[in-house]
Amino acid sequence: MKSLAAGLHCPVNLWRQFMGASQAAEKTGMEQAAHNRYFNDFATALRYWRDKRGYSQLRLSAESHISQRHISFLESGRSQPSRELILKLGTALDIPLRQRNVMLLAAGFAPAYQERKLSDPELAAVKQALDFMLAQQAPYPALVVDRLWNLVMSNGPAAMMIRWLLDMPDSQPIPREGVNVLQLMLDPQAIRKHLVNWQDVSADLLHWIQREAMSDGPGSEATRLLEQLLALPGIKAASQTPNLDTRVLPFLAMTLRKDGVELNLFTSIATMGTPHDVTVHELRIESFFPADAATAAWFKSRG
């Protein structure tokens, strides 16, 4: 990977290496084929999600109010699902909306959940709410990211903190979207060199993308991003845990140290999930809070 230092004063070079999975190269034919094979039929997808949730057919029957015999027939391919049945199973198994659409497509139905850009006029109210939340978080940082941690929005204090950590001029803009926050934080030439407890932080952050990769399967954008992150020096060792699906706490403590300044922060991750829109369902709002008075004073002084 190209050194960040080589592009510190050139916005294009600086951010190009951190452009996220949404702007990555197209899948190769082999990757696409692997991804298609993973969820190319409803029966395979249903078995996968039932196993992932740790449900027996009997428990899924109780949760979904569908007979165990019918579930068995669905998983063996002896019975074909209706659209309504797929949606009911998706709710019972708490399957992400994106993957419910995949299951519908595999069974020959149109997707049930829309996926739109945040700039879509129909999401104007959501965008306004996000703007309000980011503004309310000041003088402390806040980011909005998608499911792969590509930057969608940020407030002024977040942009200030990134510029400070990367020795960027105050006048240099932070891209409003497209930068992958995980790559920015975990690359040893970027924020990680100032992140005192980077091993703990990386292990926690990787849980998020590991779960996305497990949901999407081989050849997916999530899997490719995970591979890129694990290829960074030290990250694979830091990520070793006995259970990749362990629930991640909604907050994370981190210590940043640069130029004699030490910032102790903790973060909270919130969602704006709705049952009908993939884009909004997958947005995450990461808010940074000071863990001590000195950190609070530093941000207030920079505001």
Protein backbone atom coordinates (compact mmCIF):
# COMPACT_ATOMS: atom_id res chain seq x y z
CA MET A 1 0.00 0.00 0.00
CA LYS A 2 1.30 3.44 -0.88
CA SER A 3 2.65 5.44 2.03
CA LEU A 4 0.30 8.11 3.30
CA ALA A 5 3.18 10.49 3.89
CA ALA A 6 3.82 10.76 0.17
CA GLY A 7 0.47 12.40 -0.37
CA LEU A 8 -0.07 14.49 2.73
CA HIS A 9 -0.33 17.76 0.84
CA CYS A 10 -2.21 16.43 -2.16
CA PRO A 11 -5.89 15.76 -1.43
CA VAL A 12 -6.28 13.31 -4.31
CA ASN A 13 -3.29 11.17 -3.32
CA LEU A 14 -4.08 11.41 0.36
CA TRP A 15 -7.55 9.97 0.13
CA ARG A 16 -7.29 7.66 -2.88
CA GLN A 17 -5.77 4.81 -0.86
CA PHE A 18 -8.58 5.00 1.70
CA MET A 19 -11.45 5.06 -0.76
CA GLY A 20 -13.78 2.42 0.52
CA ALA A 21 -15.37 -0.74 -0.73
CA SER A 22 -18.13 1.23 -2.42
CA GLN A 23 -15.51 2.58 -4.85
CA ALA A 24 -13.38 -0.56 -5.16
CA ALA A 25 -12.78 -2.31 -8.45
CA GLU A 26 -15.51 -4.51 -9.85
CA LYS A 27 -15.55 -8.13 -8.78
CA THR A 28 -13.64 -10.56 -10.91
CA GLY A 29 -15.60 -13.28 -12.66
CA MET A 30 -14.39 -15.87 -10.14
CA GLU A 31 -15.36 -13.70 -7.17
CA GLN A 32 -18.81 -13.07 -8.59
CA ALA A 33 -19.31 -16.76 -9.27
CA ALA A 34 -18.30 -17.63 -5.71
CA HIS A 35 -20.70 -15.06 -4.33
CA ASN A 36 -23.54 -16.32 -6.53
CA ARG A 37 -22.94 -19.92 -5.50
CA TYR A 38 -23.07 -18.95 -1.86
CA PHE A 39 -26.70 -17.77 -1.95
CA ASN A 40 -27.93 -18.84 -5.36
CA ASP A 41 -30.99 -20.65 -4.05
CA PHE A 42 -33.45 -20.04 -1.27
CA ALA A 43 -32.90 -23.39 0.45
CA THR A 44 -29.17 -22.74 0.89
CA ALA A 45 -29.80 -19.26 2.26
CA LEU A 46 -32.46 -20.47 4.69
CA ARG A 47 -30.22 -23.22 6.06
CA TYR A 48 -27.36 -20.75 6.40
CA TRP A 49 -29.35 -18.21 8.40
CA ARG A 50 -31.00 -20.83 10.61
CA ASP A 51 -27.58 -22.31 11.44
CA LYS A 52 -26.09 -18.85 11.96
CA ARG A 53 -28.80 -17.97 14.49
CA GLY A 54 -28.38 -21.33 16.22
CA TYR A 55 -32.00 -22.29 15.63
CA SER A 56 -33.26 -25.82 15.27
CA GLN A 57 -36.06 -26.35 12.79
CA LEU A 58 -38.36 -26.77 15.78
CA ARG A 59 -37.40 -23.42 17.27
CA LEU A 60 -37.73 -21.66 13.91
CA SER A 61 -41.16 -23.24 13.57
CA ALA A 62 -42.16 -21.78 16.93
CA GLU A 63 -40.73 -18.34 16.13
CA SER A 64 -42.22 -18.08 12.65
CA HIS A 65 -45.48 -20.01 13.17
CA ILE A 66 -44.60 -22.19 10.18
CA SER A 67 -44.75 -25.96 10.63
CA GLN A 68 -41.47 -27.81 11.15
CA ARG A 69 -42.41 -30.13 8.30
CA HIS A 70 -42.82 -27.17 5.95
CA ILE A 71 -39.46 -25.72 7.02
CA SER A 72 -37.81 -29.08 6.38
CA PHE A 73 -39.34 -29.20 2.90
CA LEU A 74 -38.16 -25.63 2.20
CA GLU A 75 -34.59 -26.46 3.19
CA SER A 76 -34.52 -29.61 1.09
CA GLY A 77 -36.00 -27.84 -1.93
CA ARG A 78 -39.11 -30.05 -1.92
CA SER A 79 -41.31 -27.01 -1.31
CA GLN A 80 -41.16 -23.52 -2.84
CA PRO A 81 -41.74 -20.48 -0.61
CA SER A 82 -44.22 -17.70 -1.16
CA ARG A 83 -43.13 -14.08 -0.92
CA GLU A 84 -45.02 -13.66 2.36
CA LEU A 85 -43.38 -16.75 3.84
CA ILE A 86 -39.88 -15.46 3.02
CA LEU A 87 -40.63 -12.16 4.73
CA LYS A 88 -41.98 -13.99 7.77
CA LEU A 89 -38.87 -16.15 8.01
CA GLY A 90 -36.68 -13.08 7.56
CA THR A 91 -38.34 -11.44 10.54
CA ALA A 92 -38.15 -14.58 12.70
CA LEU A 93 -34.42 -15.01 11.96
CA ASP A 94 -33.68 -11.27 12.18
CA ILE A 95 -32.01 -11.38 8.76
CA PRO A 96 -30.59 -8.03 7.55
CA LEU A 97 -32.82 -6.31 5.00
CA ARG A 98 -30.17 -6.57 2.29
CA GLN A 99 -30.02 -10.34 2.74
CA ARG A 100 -33.81 -10.66 2.81
CA ASN A 101 -33.77 -9.11 -0.66
CA VAL A 102 -31.17 -11.70 -1.71
CA MET A 103 -33.43 -14.50 -0.48
CA LEU A 104 -36.40 -13.04 -2.35
CA LEU A 105 -34.38 -12.83 -5.55
CA ALA A 106 -33.15 -16.40 -5.10
CA ALA A 107 -36.77 -17.55 -4.89
CA GLY A 108 -37.77 -15.59 -7.98
CA PHE A 109 -39.38 -12.55 -6.35
CA ALA A 110 -38.60 -8.86 -6.58
CA PRO A 111 -36.79 -7.23 -3.63
CA ALA A 112 -39.08 -5.94 -0.90
CA TYR A 113 -36.79 -3.28 0.51
CA GLN A 114 -35.56 -0.23 -1.38
CA GLU A 115 -31.94 0.90 -1.44
CA ARG A 116 -31.52 4.58 -2.23
CA LYS A 117 -28.81 7.20 -1.93
CA LEU A 118 -29.06 9.46 1.07
CA SER A 119 -29.41 12.35 -1.39
CA ASP A 120 -32.71 10.90 -2.62
CA PRO A 121 -35.52 13.46 -2.06
CA GLU A 122 -37.58 10.82 -0.25
CA LEU A 123 -34.84 10.56 2.39
CA ALA A 124 -34.61 14.32 2.93
CA ALA A 125 -36.11 14.01 6.42
CA VAL A 126 -33.53 11.38 7.35
CA LYS A 127 -30.69 13.55 6.03
CA GLN A 128 -32.03 16.49 8.04
CA ALA A 129 -32.16 14.36 11.19
CA LEU A 130 -28.57 13.21 10.66
CA ASP A 131 -27.42 16.81 10.13
CA PHE A 132 -29.11 17.74 13.41
CA MET A 133 -27.49 14.88 15.34
CA LEU A 134 -24.03 15.71 13.99
CA ALA A 135 -24.47 19.38 14.91
CA GLN A 136 -25.69 18.50 18.40
CA GLN A 137 -22.58 16.40 19.04
CA ALA A 138 -20.29 19.45 18.67
CA PRO A 139 -17.78 20.32 20.03
CA TYR A 140 -17.08 16.59 19.95
CA PRO A 141 -16.65 14.48 16.79
CA ALA A 142 -19.32 12.41 15.10
CA LEU A 143 -19.38 10.39 11.88
CA VAL A 144 -22.05 8.68 9.81
CA VAL A 145 -20.86 5.51 8.06
CA ASP A 146 -22.49 2.76 6.03
CA ARG A 147 -22.36 -0.96 6.80
CA LEU A 148 -18.81 -1.22 5.39
CA TRP A 149 -17.70 1.87 7.33
CA ASN A 150 -17.44 4.09 4.27
CA LEU A 151 -17.75 7.70 5.36
CA VAL A 152 -21.13 9.21 4.56
CA MET A 153 -21.17 12.37 6.70
CA SER A 154 -19.10 14.03 9.42
CA ASN A 155 -19.33 17.09 11.62
CA GLY A 156 -16.77 19.90 11.91
CA PRO A 157 -15.00 18.54 15.03
CA ALA A 158 -14.52 15.16 13.31
CA ALA A 159 -12.93 16.85 10.30
CA MET A 160 -10.73 18.91 12.63
CA MET A 161 -9.58 15.80 14.51
CA ILE A 162 -8.73 13.94 11.30
CA ARG A 163 -6.74 16.90 9.95
CA TRP A 164 -4.84 17.18 13.23
CA LEU A 165 -4.01 13.46 13.35
CA LEU A 166 -2.86 13.39 9.72
CA ASP A 167 -0.95 16.71 9.81
CA MET A 168 -3.22 18.18 7.16
CA PRO A 169 -3.60 21.91 6.56
CA ASP A 170 -6.76 23.42 8.04
CA SER A 171 -7.81 24.44 4.54
CA GLN A 172 -7.62 20.90 3.14
CA PRO A 173 -11.12 19.43 2.75
CA ILE A 174 -12.17 16.09 4.15
CA PRO A 175 -14.13 14.12 1.52
CA ARG A 176 -17.78 14.08 2.44
CA GLU A 177 -18.08 10.44 1.45
CA GLY A 178 -16.22 7.46 0.05
CA VAL A 179 -13.32 7.23 2.52
CA ASN A 180 -13.24 3.98 4.46
CA VAL A 181 -12.98 4.78 8.16
CA LEU A 182 -11.65 1.34 9.12
CA GLN A 183 -8.77 1.62 6.68
CA LEU A 184 -8.07 5.19 7.82
CA MET A 185 -7.93 4.15 11.48
CA LEU A 186 -6.04 0.85 11.13
CA ASP A 187 -3.39 1.71 8.53
CA PRO A 188 -0.06 2.12 10.36
CA GLN A 189 0.75 5.20 8.24
CA ALA A 190 -2.52 6.93 9.13
CA ILE A 191 -4.39 7.34 12.42
CA ARG A 192 -3.11 4.09 13.92
CA LYS A 193 0.34 5.56 14.60
CA HIS A 194 -1.32 7.89 17.11
CA LEU A 195 -3.73 5.28 18.51
CA VAL A 196 -2.17 4.03 21.74
CA ASN A 197 -4.51 1.04 22.21
CA TRP A 198 -4.79 0.15 18.53
CA GLN A 199 -4.79 -3.61 19.16
CA ASP A 200 -7.95 -3.40 21.27
CA VAL A 201 -9.56 -0.94 18.88
CA SER A 202 -8.77 -3.02 15.81
CA ALA A 203 -10.12 -6.23 17.37
CA ASP A 204 -13.41 -4.48 18.18
CA LEU A 205 -13.78 -2.74 14.83
CA LEU A 206 -13.00 -5.89 12.86
CA HIS A 207 -15.97 -7.65 14.48
CA TRP A 208 -18.28 -5.36 12.51
CA ILE A 209 -16.82 -6.14 9.12
CA GLN A 210 -16.34 -9.83 9.98
CA ARG A 211 -20.07 -10.13 10.59
CA GLU A 212 -20.85 -8.39 7.32
CA ALA A 213 -18.46 -10.74 5.50
CA MET A 214 -20.08 -13.77 7.11
CA SER A 215 -23.50 -12.51 6.02
CA ASP A 216 -22.48 -11.66 2.44
CA GLY A 217 -20.32 -14.69 1.71
CA PRO A 218 -17.26 -15.25 -0.52
CA GLY A 219 -16.49 -12.72 -3.23
CA SER A 220 -18.50 -9.94 -1.59
CA GLU A 221 -17.35 -6.36 -0.99
CA ALA A 222 -17.35 -7.04 2.75
CA THR A 223 -15.09 -10.07 2.33
CA ARG A 224 -12.65 -8.15 0.14
CA LEU A 225 -12.52 -5.28 2.64
CA LEU A 226 -11.87 -7.73 5.48
CA GLU A 227 -9.01 -9.28 3.51
CA GLN A 228 -7.50 -5.82 2.89
CA LEU A 229 -7.69 -4.96 6.58
CA LEU A 230 -6.20 -8.28 7.71
CA ALA A 231 -3.30 -7.71 5.31
CA LEU A 232 -2.27 -4.58 7.23
CA PRO A 233 0.74 -5.13 9.55
CA GLY A 234 -0.27 -6.52 12.95
CA ILE A 235 -4.01 -6.55 12.32
CA LYS A 236 -4.43 -10.29 11.81
CA ALA A 237 -2.78 -11.09 15.13
CA ALA A 238 -4.83 -8.45 16.95
CA SER A 239 -8.05 -9.84 15.49
CA GLN A 240 -7.66 -13.40 16.76
CA THR A 241 -10.65 -14.17 18.99
CA PRO A 242 -12.32 -17.49 19.86
CA ASN A 243 -15.70 -16.43 18.50
CA LEU A 244 -15.98 -13.96 15.62
CA ASP A 245 -19.72 -13.59 16.20
CA THR A 246 -19.39 -12.41 19.81
CA ARG A 247 -21.60 -9.40 20.36
CA VAL A 248 -19.71 -6.12 20.09
CA LEU A 249 -20.39 -3.58 22.81
CA PRO A 250 -21.95 -0.30 21.60
CA PHE A 251 -19.02 1.72 22.94
CA LEU A 252 -15.26 1.62 22.54
CA ALA A 253 -12.51 3.30 24.55
CA MET A 254 -9.55 4.74 22.68
CA THR A 255 -6.50 6.85 23.51
CA LEU A 256 -4.94 9.14 20.91
CA ARG A 257 -1.50 10.67 21.53
CA LYS A 258 0.23 13.25 19.33
CA ASP A 259 2.59 16.18 19.89
CA GLY A 260 2.39 15.81 23.67
CA VAL A 261 -1.42 15.82 23.65
CA GLU A 262 -3.29 12.77 24.93
CA LEU A 263 -6.98 12.40 24.17
CA ASN A 264 -9.02 9.80 26.03
CA LEU A 265 -12.28 9.07 24.24
CA PHE A 266 -15.04 6.57 24.13
CA THR A 267 -17.40 6.08 21.26
CA SER A 268 -21.03 5.10 20.98
CA ILE A 269 -22.56 3.61 17.85
CA ALA A 270 -26.22 4.16 17.09
CA THR A 271 -28.39 3.16 14.14
CA MET A 272 -31.40 4.66 12.37
CA GLY A 273 -32.88 1.35 11.34
CA THR A 274 -36.24 1.27 9.61
CA PRO A 275 -38.04 -1.88 8.51
CA HIS A 276 -38.45 -0.75 4.89
CA ASP A 277 -35.27 0.92 3.61
CA VAL A 278 -31.89 -0.79 3.22
CA THR A 279 -29.85 2.42 3.11
CA VAL A 280 -31.23 3.90 6.32
CA HIS A 281 -31.24 0.53 8.07
CA GLU A 282 -27.49 0.17 7.46
CA LEU A 283 -26.38 3.66 8.53
CA ARG A 284 -24.39 3.95 11.75
CA ILE A 285 -23.73 7.10 13.72
CA GLU A 286 -20.44 6.97 15.64
CA SER A 287 -20.22 9.64 18.32
CA PHE A 288 -17.02 10.43 20.24
CA PHE A 289 -17.18 11.55 23.86
CA PRO A 290 -14.40 12.81 26.18
CA ALA A 291 -13.43 10.34 28.91
CA ASP A 292 -11.78 13.02 31.06
CA ALA A 293 -11.84 16.76 31.66
CA ALA A 294 -8.58 17.41 29.79
CA THR A 295 -9.94 15.82 26.61
CA ALA A 296 -13.17 17.80 26.90
CA ALA A 297 -11.21 21.03 27.35
CA TRP A 298 -9.02 20.30 24.31
CA PHE A 299 -12.00 19.88 21.98
CA LYS A 300 -13.73 22.95 23.38
CA SER A 301 -10.59 25.00 22.82
CA ARG A 302 -10.39 23.86 19.20
CA GLY A 303 -14.02 24.68 18.52
